Structure formats: C-alpha cells, structure tokens
Amino acid sequence: MIDPQLLREQPDVVRESQRLRGSSVELVDEAIAADLARRAAIAAFEADRAEQNAFGKVVASAPKEKKAELVAEAQSLAARVKARQQAVTDAEADFTRIVGALQNIVIDGVPAGGEDDFVTLRAVGEARSFDPAEFPSGPRDHLELGELLDAIDMQRGAKVSGARFSFLKGVGARLELALIQLGLQRALDAGFTPLITPTLVRPEIMAGTGFLGAHSDEIYYLPADDLYLTGTSEVALAGYHQGEIVDVSGGPLRYAGISTCYRREAGSAGKDTRGIIRVHQFQKLEMFSYIDPADAETEHERLLALQEGMLQSLGLSYRVIDTAAGDLGSSAARKYDVEAWVPTQNAYRELTSTSNCTTYQARRLDIRYRTDSGKTAPVATLNGTLATTRWIVAILETHQQPDGSVVVPEVLRPIIGLDVLEPRGGVGSDGQR
C-alpha cells in the first residue's frame, strides 16, 4: 500500500507513477475521494460519540422523574452512533480496497513503458563462440545436453505430473544442490540468516506481498484449505515479521530463504515448452532484507552485486537491465533483471532479479521499526534471487564440450565433487535410459 499522506499531499506524484506503469490514473482520484469519505465518516462518528458521552452525564445527573424520557433519547442517540460506526467500517474497507489497488510509486529514473522498454545498464563478459569445426551442427541446447548427461528427464516428469514438470537426476540434481549451497555460503558471508520457508501461505500474506493483483492467475490455490502455494520464498519471508515492530537500529535484518516454488505459467502456452526454462516447479534461494527506508536504494545495489558475483564466478556472460515501469510487479518501485546469455537461443534470458519494494509491502503487512524520535514507521523490504533451477540452462550451454560433456565451473567443483559432467550411454529398447 502506498503512503496515504503522499496520496493526500502529492497526488500528482501518484498519478505520474500510475501513468509510467501504464495503469489507471483515474484510480488516484477514486482513492482521494475514498479518503475524503473515510475521514468524513470518522468525523461524524466522533462528533456523535462525543455527544453521546456528554448526554450520558446529563442522564446520570437528571432527576428520577425525567430519566425515563432522557433514556429513550439516549437509546436513539446510541443507535445513531452505532450506524455511524458501521459507516466508518464501510468507508475504511472501501478506502483500503481502492488504495490497495494502487501500485507502488516508481523510483525516479525508472524507464517508462512496457516489457521491451528496459534500459541496459551494463553487459559483462563475452558470449561464448563455438568453432564450427568442433561443433559442426552448432552447440547443443540444455535439454539435449541434460539427456546426454542423464541429468534431466522431462518425459517421466510429464508422465508423473504433466507438462512443464521434470526430474533432475544424477548430476542434474547434484548441480542444482551445488548452486544452492554456493549461494547459501555467499549469503552467509554477507550476513544473511538462512531460513527454510513454508511454501503454503495464508491469503492475507499473499495479498500483503502484492501477489494477488494482475498476476494472481499464476498462483496455485488450494480452496479446501484456503492456502496458496508460493512462487517465491519472498512471500513467506515478507510475512515472517507480519504485525511486528522490528529492530533495524543495528542494520538491516537479512534472510536467505530456501524453498520449492510453484507457478502456473498461465498464458505461456507455446512459450519455452522445451526443457526447464519455464516450468511449474523449481528450487530457489531468495535474499530478503528489512531495512530503514533511507538505506533501501543502497541495499538494492548490494543485492545486485551479490547476484552479479555469483554469475561471474560461474563463468556466465550476462547483462543487467533496469526494468521499465510497466513491467514491474505491483510491489516493486524498481527492479533490476540479470539476464545470462543462452547460446542456442542467441539471446539473453532472465536468470535472476532484485526488487526494491520500499515501504509498500510493510504497510500492507504492518511491519514497522522505531525511528530516532521513538515513533514507529514502516520498514522497507527488498528481495533478490541468488540461485535457482533455471541457472542450469546457462551453465550447461555455456560450458559444453563437443562430445556432450560439460565443464563444471571451478567454484562448484569442491561442492559437486566433479570437474567435468560426462555423457552417460545406454538407451534401452523402450527409448528410456
């Protein structure tokens, strides 16, 4: 939720943010009207309640013969106060609903536009070239490599669970676990506390993080239990301190959440149907920070640096983009995507992102810190992925050899216990390894 005071005092800032996102500007005026109605309802209720309190003293001190008449009048006044109280409740609900639909205020400098209007901040590393003499048919894609290595089994994943599910097997499973372990060690070295988070959360937590808006169709819902499956541990990490006053006087609270994640991939029919680029279930290590809002932009750069350090140590070429306002989630005020070069697609593909959500999520989840004045105020929250299943795509394709083997990035070798992932032979008569 945005700051109601900002809405009241600087509505044009909110309007401009909505415009940059390509969202409804008219919603700002609706929110202002709802705020006025809410405050008017509160004022009317408080005036009638004050009159009721004063009249109660009159009744208490009135002569006995007049009390019956005054009691009837007091009952009428009490009914009016009750009606005023209900009006406040209704007005508060309307205000919360309308203001809750406003997206976070984008940070100055975020590019306007949609998915294709990002700004490239930098490109790091050279895309690997493949000598035609060694790769006469060109490089293999990650699924072909994964099958040669007996590391990815899409066929059995579909048999067990349907399309966009897979088994990571053997060195594939070891590679994913090694990525998570490397990311976890980097997070520990940077002062993050590890958490293995729940993957089922209550509606108020999902809504509080801003995930039940325009992209709610991406989320799996269990109606019998009124619980949602999370698409990122950001949701559980944001809800971890719901309703609390946290202490950030000594620096931010930093958590690294490890979890399985689930996404319906609604609307992605025909997109990335081959391999593990776009799947329904995957693993992820997510960084999450609670921080004084004044330090949020510095923390954002810090999370980004940790992500870049991971990709550099894995020998991946990548670029960092400043995501356009219209492609931000409702909670993010700025988001950096880090996209690795995928050779067989001749394109950069997103591997990780980091978002500064300023105080938007904290207001919705009532997470505050104590300021120097002793008053409480909403904290800022930030998130960023440090390792996930999709990274395997770029690693396999970038480090492949002509015989189908894959050189393990040096930083992963002590963890996975291998220098090279070797192809496995032996295809049975049924076509299965």
Protein backbone atom coordinates (compact mmCIF):
# COMPACT_ATOMS: atom_id res chain seq x y z
CA MET A 1 0.00 0.00 0.00
CA ILE A 2 1.26 3.48 -0.79
CA ASP A 3 1.63 6.16 1.88
CA PRO A 4 -1.84 7.76 2.40
CA GLN A 5 -0.14 11.05 3.27
CA LEU A 6 1.60 11.05 -0.12
CA LEU A 7 -1.76 10.46 -1.78
CA ARG A 8 -3.24 13.37 0.15
CA GLU A 9 -0.40 15.86 -0.23
CA GLN A 10 1.21 14.93 -3.56
CA PRO A 11 -1.44 13.22 -5.71
CA ASP A 12 0.37 14.21 -8.91
CA VAL A 13 3.33 12.03 -7.87
CA VAL A 14 0.96 9.08 -7.59
CA ARG A 15 -0.70 9.94 -10.90
CA GLU A 16 2.67 10.11 -12.67
CA SER A 17 3.70 6.75 -11.24
CA GLN A 18 0.49 5.16 -12.46
CA ARG A 19 1.00 6.75 -15.89
CA LEU A 20 4.56 5.44 -16.16
CA ARG A 21 3.30 1.96 -15.34
CA GLY A 22 0.53 2.18 -17.92
CA SER A 23 -2.00 1.76 -15.11
CA SER A 24 -5.18 3.63 -14.27
CA VAL A 25 -4.60 7.30 -13.43
CA GLU A 26 -8.30 7.69 -12.65
CA LEU A 27 -7.85 5.27 -9.74
CA VAL A 28 -5.91 8.02 -7.94
CA ASP A 29 -8.96 10.28 -7.94
CA GLU A 30 -11.10 7.39 -6.70
CA ALA A 31 -8.63 6.86 -3.88
CA ILE A 32 -8.68 10.56 -2.94
CA ALA A 33 -12.50 10.52 -2.88
CA ALA A 34 -12.47 7.37 -0.74
CA ASP A 35 -10.04 9.02 1.67
CA LEU A 36 -12.28 12.08 1.98
CA ALA A 37 -15.31 9.87 2.56
CA ARG A 38 -13.46 7.87 5.18
CA ARG A 39 -12.33 10.94 7.09
CA ALA A 40 -15.81 12.46 6.89
CA ALA A 41 -17.31 9.25 8.29
CA ILE A 42 -14.77 9.25 11.13
CA ALA A 43 -15.50 12.90 11.95
CA ALA A 44 -19.26 12.28 12.02
CA PHE A 45 -18.83 9.23 14.23
CA GLU A 46 -16.56 11.04 16.67
CA ALA A 47 -18.94 14.02 16.88
CA ASP A 48 -21.92 11.79 17.64
CA ARG A 49 -19.94 9.73 20.11
CA ALA A 50 -18.85 12.88 21.93
CA GLU A 51 -22.48 13.99 22.07
CA GLN A 52 -23.43 10.55 23.38
CA ASN A 53 -20.81 10.73 26.14
CA ALA A 54 -21.94 14.20 27.18
CA PHE A 55 -25.60 13.19 27.12
CA GLY A 56 -24.80 10.17 29.28
CA LYS A 57 -23.62 12.53 32.03
CA VAL A 58 -26.87 14.52 31.70
CA VAL A 59 -28.92 11.34 32.10
CA ALA A 60 -26.88 10.25 35.11
CA SER A 61 -27.45 13.53 36.94
CA ALA A 62 -31.10 14.09 35.90
CA PRO A 63 -33.98 13.87 38.41
CA LYS A 64 -35.64 10.49 38.59
CA GLU A 65 -38.89 11.70 37.02
CA LYS A 66 -37.06 12.85 33.86
CA LYS A 67 -34.79 9.88 33.41
CA ALA A 68 -37.30 7.73 31.51
CA GLU A 69 -37.71 10.42 28.87
CA LEU A 70 -33.96 11.01 28.66
CA VAL A 71 -33.17 7.28 28.46
CA ALA A 72 -35.32 6.96 25.34
CA GLU A 73 -33.43 9.85 23.77
CA ALA A 74 -30.12 8.22 24.79
CA GLN A 75 -31.14 4.99 23.09
CA SER A 76 -31.92 6.87 19.90
CA LEU A 77 -28.52 8.56 20.09
CA ALA A 78 -26.83 5.19 20.71
CA ALA A 79 -28.46 3.76 17.58
CA ARG A 80 -27.20 6.73 15.58
CA VAL A 81 -23.66 6.24 16.93
CA LYS A 82 -23.81 2.55 16.02
CA ALA A 83 -24.85 3.45 12.48
CA ARG A 84 -22.02 5.98 12.28
CA GLN A 85 -19.56 3.33 13.44
CA GLN A 86 -20.73 0.96 10.72
CA ALA A 87 -20.34 3.76 8.19
CA VAL A 88 -16.74 4.19 9.31
CA THR A 89 -16.11 0.46 8.93
CA ASP A 90 -17.57 0.50 5.42
CA ALA A 91 -15.64 3.63 4.43
CA GLU A 92 -12.40 2.16 5.79
CA ALA A 93 -12.98 -1.01 3.77
CA ASP A 94 -13.64 0.98 0.59
CA PHE A 95 -10.53 3.08 1.15
CA THR A 96 -8.35 0.04 1.81
CA ARG A 97 -9.69 -1.74 -1.29
CA ILE A 98 -9.17 1.22 -3.63
CA VAL A 99 -5.82 2.39 -2.26
CA GLY A 100 -4.65 -1.22 -2.14
CA ALA A 101 -5.17 -1.39 -5.90
CA LEU A 102 -2.70 1.44 -6.46
CA GLN A 103 0.76 0.12 -7.33
CA ASN A 104 3.95 1.16 -5.60
CA ILE A 105 5.40 4.55 -6.51
CA VAL A 106 8.21 4.03 -9.01
CA ILE A 107 11.59 5.47 -8.11
CA ASP A 108 12.87 8.45 -10.10
CA GLY A 109 14.82 7.30 -13.13
CA VAL A 110 12.91 4.07 -13.75
CA PRO A 111 12.24 3.95 -17.51
CA ALA A 112 8.67 4.36 -18.72
CA GLY A 113 7.00 1.78 -20.93
CA GLY A 114 6.49 -1.96 -21.01
CA GLU A 115 8.41 -5.20 -21.34
CA ASP A 116 10.58 -4.05 -24.26
CA ASP A 117 11.40 -0.59 -22.88
CA PHE A 118 14.07 -1.61 -20.36
CA VAL A 119 17.42 0.16 -20.19
CA THR A 120 20.60 -1.93 -20.36
CA LEU A 121 22.91 -0.78 -17.57
CA ARG A 122 25.86 -3.00 -18.49
CA ALA A 123 26.87 -6.19 -20.25
CA VAL A 124 29.55 -8.33 -18.61
CA GLY A 125 31.66 -11.00 -20.30
CA GLU A 126 31.79 -12.11 -23.90
CA ALA A 127 29.23 -14.53 -25.27
CA ARG A 128 30.95 -17.83 -25.97
CA SER A 129 31.63 -18.59 -29.60
CA PHE A 130 31.55 -22.17 -30.93
CA ASP A 131 34.07 -23.24 -33.56
CA PRO A 132 32.17 -24.83 -36.49
CA ALA A 133 34.99 -27.34 -36.85
CA GLU A 134 34.30 -28.60 -33.31
CA PHE A 135 30.53 -28.02 -33.37
CA PRO A 136 29.52 -28.66 -37.00
CA SER A 137 25.83 -28.70 -36.04
CA GLY A 138 26.19 -25.83 -33.61
CA PRO A 139 26.03 -26.05 -29.81
CA ARG A 140 23.55 -28.40 -28.18
CA ASP A 141 20.71 -26.91 -26.16
CA HIS A 142 20.39 -27.56 -22.44
CA LEU A 143 17.80 -30.32 -22.80
CA GLU A 144 19.85 -32.31 -25.30
CA LEU A 145 22.86 -31.92 -23.01
CA GLY A 146 20.76 -32.82 -19.98
CA GLU A 147 19.59 -36.01 -21.66
CA LEU A 148 23.11 -36.95 -22.76
CA LEU A 149 24.28 -36.44 -19.17
CA ASP A 150 21.24 -38.34 -17.83
CA ALA A 151 20.61 -35.18 -15.79
CA ILE A 152 17.17 -34.01 -16.95
CA ASP A 153 14.17 -36.28 -17.54
CA MET A 154 11.24 -34.36 -18.99
CA GLN A 155 9.41 -37.43 -20.29
CA ARG A 156 9.00 -39.02 -16.89
CA GLY A 157 8.24 -35.63 -15.35
CA ALA A 158 5.31 -35.30 -17.75
CA LYS A 159 4.25 -38.89 -17.05
CA VAL A 160 4.11 -38.26 -13.32
CA SER A 161 2.86 -34.66 -13.15
CA GLY A 162 2.06 -33.35 -16.64
CA ALA A 163 3.62 -30.78 -18.94
CA ARG A 164 6.30 -28.41 -17.62
CA PHE A 165 7.43 -30.81 -14.90
CA SER A 166 10.75 -32.66 -14.87
CA PHE A 167 13.04 -34.85 -12.85
CA LEU A 168 16.55 -33.59 -12.19
CA LYS A 169 18.57 -36.76 -11.95
CA GLY A 170 22.11 -37.72 -11.01
CA VAL A 171 24.50 -34.89 -11.88
CA GLY A 172 21.48 -32.67 -12.62
CA ALA A 173 20.29 -32.95 -9.04
CA ARG A 174 23.83 -32.54 -7.76
CA LEU A 175 24.32 -29.43 -9.89
CA GLU A 176 21.18 -27.79 -8.55
CA LEU A 177 22.10 -28.57 -4.95
CA ALA A 178 25.63 -27.27 -5.54
CA LEU A 179 24.22 -23.97 -6.85
CA ILE A 180 22.01 -23.61 -3.78
CA GLN A 181 24.91 -24.45 -1.47
CA LEU A 182 27.21 -21.94 -3.18
CA GLY A 183 24.53 -19.26 -2.98
CA LEU A 184 23.88 -20.05 0.66
CA GLN A 185 27.55 -19.70 1.54
CA ARG A 186 27.70 -16.36 -0.26
CA ALA A 187 24.60 -15.24 1.64
CA LEU A 188 26.06 -16.36 4.98
CA ASP A 189 29.28 -14.48 4.25
CA ALA A 190 27.17 -11.38 3.54
CA GLY A 191 25.33 -11.60 6.88
CA PHE A 192 22.09 -13.32 5.85
CA THR A 193 20.30 -15.74 8.18
CA PRO A 194 19.17 -18.88 6.34
CA LEU A 195 15.54 -19.98 6.55
CA ILE A 196 13.79 -22.96 5.00
CA THR A 197 10.39 -21.40 4.45
CA PRO A 198 6.83 -22.71 4.22
CA THR A 199 5.54 -22.97 0.67
CA LEU A 200 1.87 -22.73 1.67
CA VAL A 201 0.71 -19.35 2.97
CA ARG A 202 -2.50 -17.70 4.08
CA PRO A 203 -4.38 -15.28 1.79
CA GLU A 204 -3.51 -12.23 3.89
CA ILE A 205 0.20 -12.97 3.48
CA MET A 206 -0.09 -13.49 -0.27
CA ALA A 207 -2.16 -10.31 -0.61
CA GLY A 208 0.20 -8.38 1.66
CA THR A 209 3.14 -9.00 -0.62
CA GLY A 210 1.17 -7.78 -3.64
CA PHE A 211 0.91 -11.10 -5.48
CA LEU A 212 -2.88 -11.25 -5.72
CA GLY A 213 -3.15 -8.45 -8.26
CA ALA A 214 -2.76 -8.59 -12.03
CA HIS A 215 -0.79 -11.87 -11.96
CA SER A 216 -2.89 -13.82 -9.48
CA ASP A 217 -3.65 -16.34 -12.23
CA GLU A 218 -0.02 -17.50 -11.91
CA ILE A 219 -0.63 -18.79 -8.37
CA TYR A 220 -1.83 -22.22 -7.31
CA TYR A 221 -4.68 -22.04 -4.79
CA LEU A 222 -5.98 -24.80 -2.50
CA PRO A 223 -9.61 -23.80 -1.79
CA ALA A 224 -10.24 -26.64 0.66
CA ASP A 225 -7.55 -25.21 2.93
CA ASP A 226 -7.70 -21.54 1.87
CA LEU A 227 -3.95 -21.57 1.27
CA TYR A 228 -1.74 -20.52 -1.62
CA LEU A 229 1.37 -22.24 -2.98
CA THR A 230 4.15 -19.66 -3.21
CA GLY A 231 6.00 -18.85 -6.42
CA THR A 232 8.92 -17.49 -4.40
CA SER A 233 10.01 -17.62 -0.77
CA GLU A 234 9.79 -13.81 -0.86
CA VAL A 235 6.15 -14.27 0.18
CA ALA A 236 6.90 -16.25 3.34
CA LEU A 237 9.91 -14.06 4.13
CA ALA A 238 7.80 -10.91 3.87
CA GLY A 239 5.19 -12.45 6.16
CA TYR A 240 7.79 -13.60 8.70
CA HIS A 241 7.56 -10.33 10.66
CA GLN A 242 3.91 -9.50 9.92
CA GLY A 243 2.41 -7.26 12.61
CA GLU A 244 5.74 -6.73 14.35
CA ILE A 245 7.99 -3.83 15.27
CA VAL A 246 11.46 -4.93 14.15
CA ASP A 247 14.80 -3.59 15.30
CA VAL A 248 16.91 -2.29 12.40
CA SER A 249 18.89 0.16 14.53
CA GLY A 250 21.98 -2.03 14.20
CA GLY A 251 21.49 -2.58 10.48
CA PRO A 252 19.04 -4.44 8.26
CA LEU A 253 17.53 -7.83 9.01
CA ARG A 254 18.70 -10.08 6.19
CA TYR A 255 17.30 -13.53 5.45
CA ALA A 256 18.07 -16.14 2.81
CA GLY A 257 15.05 -18.33 2.12
CA ILE A 258 15.36 -21.76 0.53
CA SER A 259 12.19 -23.27 -0.88
CA THR A 260 10.47 -25.12 -3.66
CA CYS A 261 8.46 -22.70 -5.78
CA TYR A 262 5.33 -23.20 -7.89
CA ARG A 263 3.96 -21.20 -10.82
CA ARG A 264 1.01 -21.99 -13.04
CA GLU A 265 2.62 -20.26 -16.04
CA ALA A 266 -0.84 -19.15 -17.13
CA GLY A 267 -0.85 -17.54 -20.54
CA SER A 268 2.50 -19.05 -21.52
CA ALA A 269 1.12 -21.69 -23.86
CA GLY A 270 3.63 -22.29 -26.63
CA LYS A 271 6.41 -20.35 -24.86
CA ASP A 272 9.56 -22.13 -23.72
CA THR A 273 7.94 -25.53 -23.85
CA ARG A 274 11.28 -27.29 -24.32
CA GLY A 275 13.38 -28.05 -21.27
CA ILE A 276 13.45 -26.36 -17.88
CA ILE A 277 13.37 -22.66 -18.72
CA ARG A 278 9.69 -22.23 -17.86
CA VAL A 279 8.37 -24.92 -15.51
CA HIS A 280 5.72 -25.27 -12.83
CA GLN A 281 8.06 -26.32 -10.01
CA PHE A 282 11.63 -25.29 -9.23
CA GLN A 283 14.04 -24.58 -6.38
CA LYS A 284 15.21 -21.15 -5.37
CA LEU A 285 17.40 -19.33 -2.86
CA GLU A 286 15.96 -15.88 -2.19
CA MET A 287 17.56 -12.98 -0.35
CA PHE A 288 15.25 -10.70 1.64
CA SER A 289 16.04 -7.52 3.60
CA TYR A 290 14.10 -5.45 6.13
CA ILE A 291 15.75 -2.04 6.34
CA ASP A 292 15.42 1.64 7.21
CA PRO A 293 13.80 3.16 4.08
CA ALA A 294 16.61 5.74 3.86
CA ASP A 295 19.06 2.91 3.15
CA ALA A 296 16.92 0.90 0.74
CA GLU A 297 18.50 2.03 -2.53
CA THR A 298 22.00 1.25 -1.23
CA GLU A 299 20.79 -2.20 -0.15
CA HIS A 300 19.32 -2.74 -3.60
CA GLU A 301 22.73 -2.22 -5.19
CA ARG A 302 24.23 -4.58 -2.60
CA LEU A 303 21.82 -7.39 -3.52
CA LEU A 304 22.54 -6.83 -7.19
CA ALA A 305 26.31 -7.04 -6.56
CA LEU A 306 25.85 -10.41 -4.82
CA GLN A 307 23.89 -11.72 -7.81
CA GLU A 308 26.50 -10.49 -10.29
CA GLY A 309 29.25 -12.04 -8.21
CA MET A 310 27.52 -15.42 -8.46
CA LEU A 311 27.16 -15.24 -12.25
CA GLN A 312 30.73 -14.07 -12.74
CA SER A 313 32.09 -16.91 -10.61
CA LEU A 314 30.09 -19.37 -12.74
CA GLY A 315 31.70 -18.04 -15.91
CA LEU A 316 28.43 -16.76 -17.41
CA SER A 317 28.07 -13.78 -19.72
CA TYR A 318 25.19 -11.55 -18.71
CA ARG A 319 23.62 -8.13 -18.82
CA VAL A 320 21.87 -6.05 -16.16
CA ILE A 321 18.71 -4.21 -17.14
CA ASP A 322 16.67 -1.54 -15.39
CA THR A 323 13.14 -2.87 -15.86
CA ALA A 324 10.58 -0.46 -17.30
CA ALA A 325 7.77 0.73 -15.04
CA GLY A 326 5.08 -1.12 -16.95
CA ASP A 327 6.89 -4.42 -16.45
CA LEU A 328 7.28 -4.07 -12.67
CA GLY A 329 5.20 -6.09 -10.28
CA SER A 330 2.77 -4.03 -8.21
CA SER A 331 5.07 -4.06 -5.15
CA ALA A 332 8.34 -3.12 -6.83
CA ALA A 333 9.43 0.51 -7.05
CA ARG A 334 12.49 -0.53 -9.09
CA LYS A 335 13.65 -3.90 -10.36
CA TYR A 336 16.93 -4.98 -11.89
CA ASP A 337 16.94 -8.13 -14.01
CA VAL A 338 20.15 -10.05 -14.60
CA GLU A 339 19.97 -11.97 -17.87
CA ALA A 340 22.52 -14.60 -18.91
CA TRP A 341 23.49 -15.35 -22.49
CA VAL A 342 21.94 -18.62 -23.70
CA PRO A 343 23.93 -19.69 -26.77
CA THR A 344 21.32 -21.81 -28.57
CA GLN A 345 18.72 -19.06 -28.28
CA ASN A 346 21.21 -16.38 -29.32
CA ALA A 347 19.65 -14.22 -26.66
CA TYR A 348 19.86 -13.07 -23.07
CA ARG A 349 17.35 -14.78 -20.77
CA GLU A 350 16.46 -13.72 -17.25
CA LEU A 351 18.16 -15.77 -14.56
CA THR A 352 17.55 -13.55 -11.57
CA SER A 353 16.10 -10.25 -10.46
CA THR A 354 16.16 -7.98 -7.44
CA SER A 355 13.43 -5.57 -6.37
CA ASN A 356 13.21 -2.59 -4.05
CA CYS A 357 9.67 -2.63 -2.69
CA THR A 358 10.23 0.45 -0.48
CA THR A 359 7.52 0.51 2.25
CA TYR A 360 4.72 -0.92 0.06
CA GLN A 361 4.70 -4.47 1.44
CA ALA A 362 5.44 -3.39 5.01
CA ARG A 363 2.39 -1.10 5.07
CA ARG A 364 0.15 -3.93 3.92
CA LEU A 365 1.67 -6.37 6.42
CA ASP A 366 2.04 -3.84 9.28
CA ILE A 367 5.79 -4.24 9.74
CA ARG A 368 7.39 -1.24 11.42
CA TYR A 369 10.61 -0.03 13.01
CA ARG A 370 11.16 2.58 15.69
CA THR A 371 12.57 5.86 14.42
CA ASP A 372 15.00 8.11 16.29
CA SER A 373 12.01 10.07 17.59
CA GLY A 374 10.60 6.93 19.20
CA LYS A 375 7.65 6.75 16.83
CA THR A 376 7.08 3.76 14.57
CA ALA A 377 7.13 3.81 10.77
CA PRO A 378 7.01 1.16 8.02
CA VAL A 379 10.29 -0.51 7.09
CA ALA A 380 11.44 -1.01 3.52
CA THR A 381 11.65 -4.52 2.08
CA LEU A 382 13.87 -5.80 -0.74
CA ASN A 383 14.31 -9.17 -2.38
CA GLY A 384 16.63 -10.86 -4.85
CA THR A 385 17.28 -14.38 -6.12
CA LEU A 386 20.75 -15.82 -5.54
CA ALA A 387 20.31 -19.23 -7.18
CA THR A 388 17.54 -21.11 -8.95
CA THR A 389 16.92 -24.10 -11.21
CA ARG A 390 16.93 -22.03 -14.41
CA TRP A 391 20.63 -21.26 -13.94
CA ILE A 392 21.38 -24.83 -15.02
CA VAL A 393 20.29 -23.87 -18.55
CA ALA A 394 23.02 -21.25 -18.96
CA ILE A 395 25.68 -23.36 -17.22
CA LEU A 396 25.15 -26.42 -19.42
CA GLU A 397 25.01 -24.49 -22.69
CA THR A 398 27.91 -22.14 -21.91
CA HIS A 399 30.35 -24.78 -20.67
CA GLN A 400 29.55 -27.63 -23.07
CA GLN A 401 32.22 -29.53 -24.98
CA PRO A 402 31.99 -31.12 -28.47
CA ASP A 403 31.47 -34.64 -27.04
CA GLY A 404 28.46 -33.51 -24.99
CA SER A 405 30.37 -33.25 -21.73
CA VAL A 406 30.12 -30.08 -19.63
CA VAL A 407 32.99 -28.46 -17.74
CA VAL A 408 31.93 -27.72 -14.17
CA PRO A 409 32.62 -24.10 -13.14
CA GLU A 410 35.64 -24.13 -10.88
CA VAL A 411 33.75 -22.62 -7.95
CA LEU A 412 31.31 -25.56 -7.95
CA ARG A 413 33.89 -28.34 -8.21
CA PRO A 414 34.61 -28.70 -4.47
CA ILE A 415 30.86 -28.89 -3.82
CA ILE A 416 29.76 -31.22 -6.60
CA GLY A 417 32.94 -33.31 -6.47
CA LEU A 418 33.42 -33.35 -10.27
CA ASP A 419 35.46 -31.34 -12.75
CA VAL A 420 33.50 -32.47 -15.80
CA LEU A 421 29.99 -33.85 -16.27
CA GLU A 422 30.36 -36.80 -18.65
CA PRO A 423 27.69 -38.14 -21.04
CA ARG A 424 26.05 -41.38 -19.99
CA GLY A 425 25.31 -44.13 -22.50
CA GLY A 426 22.87 -46.98 -22.50
CA VAL A 427 19.50 -46.32 -24.09
CA GLY A 428 17.04 -49.15 -23.61
CA SER A 429 14.73 -50.64 -26.25
CA ASP A 430 11.88 -48.51 -24.93
CA GLY A 431 13.90 -45.35 -25.58
CA GLN A 432 14.47 -44.76 -21.85
CA ARG A 433 17.83 -44.62 -20.11
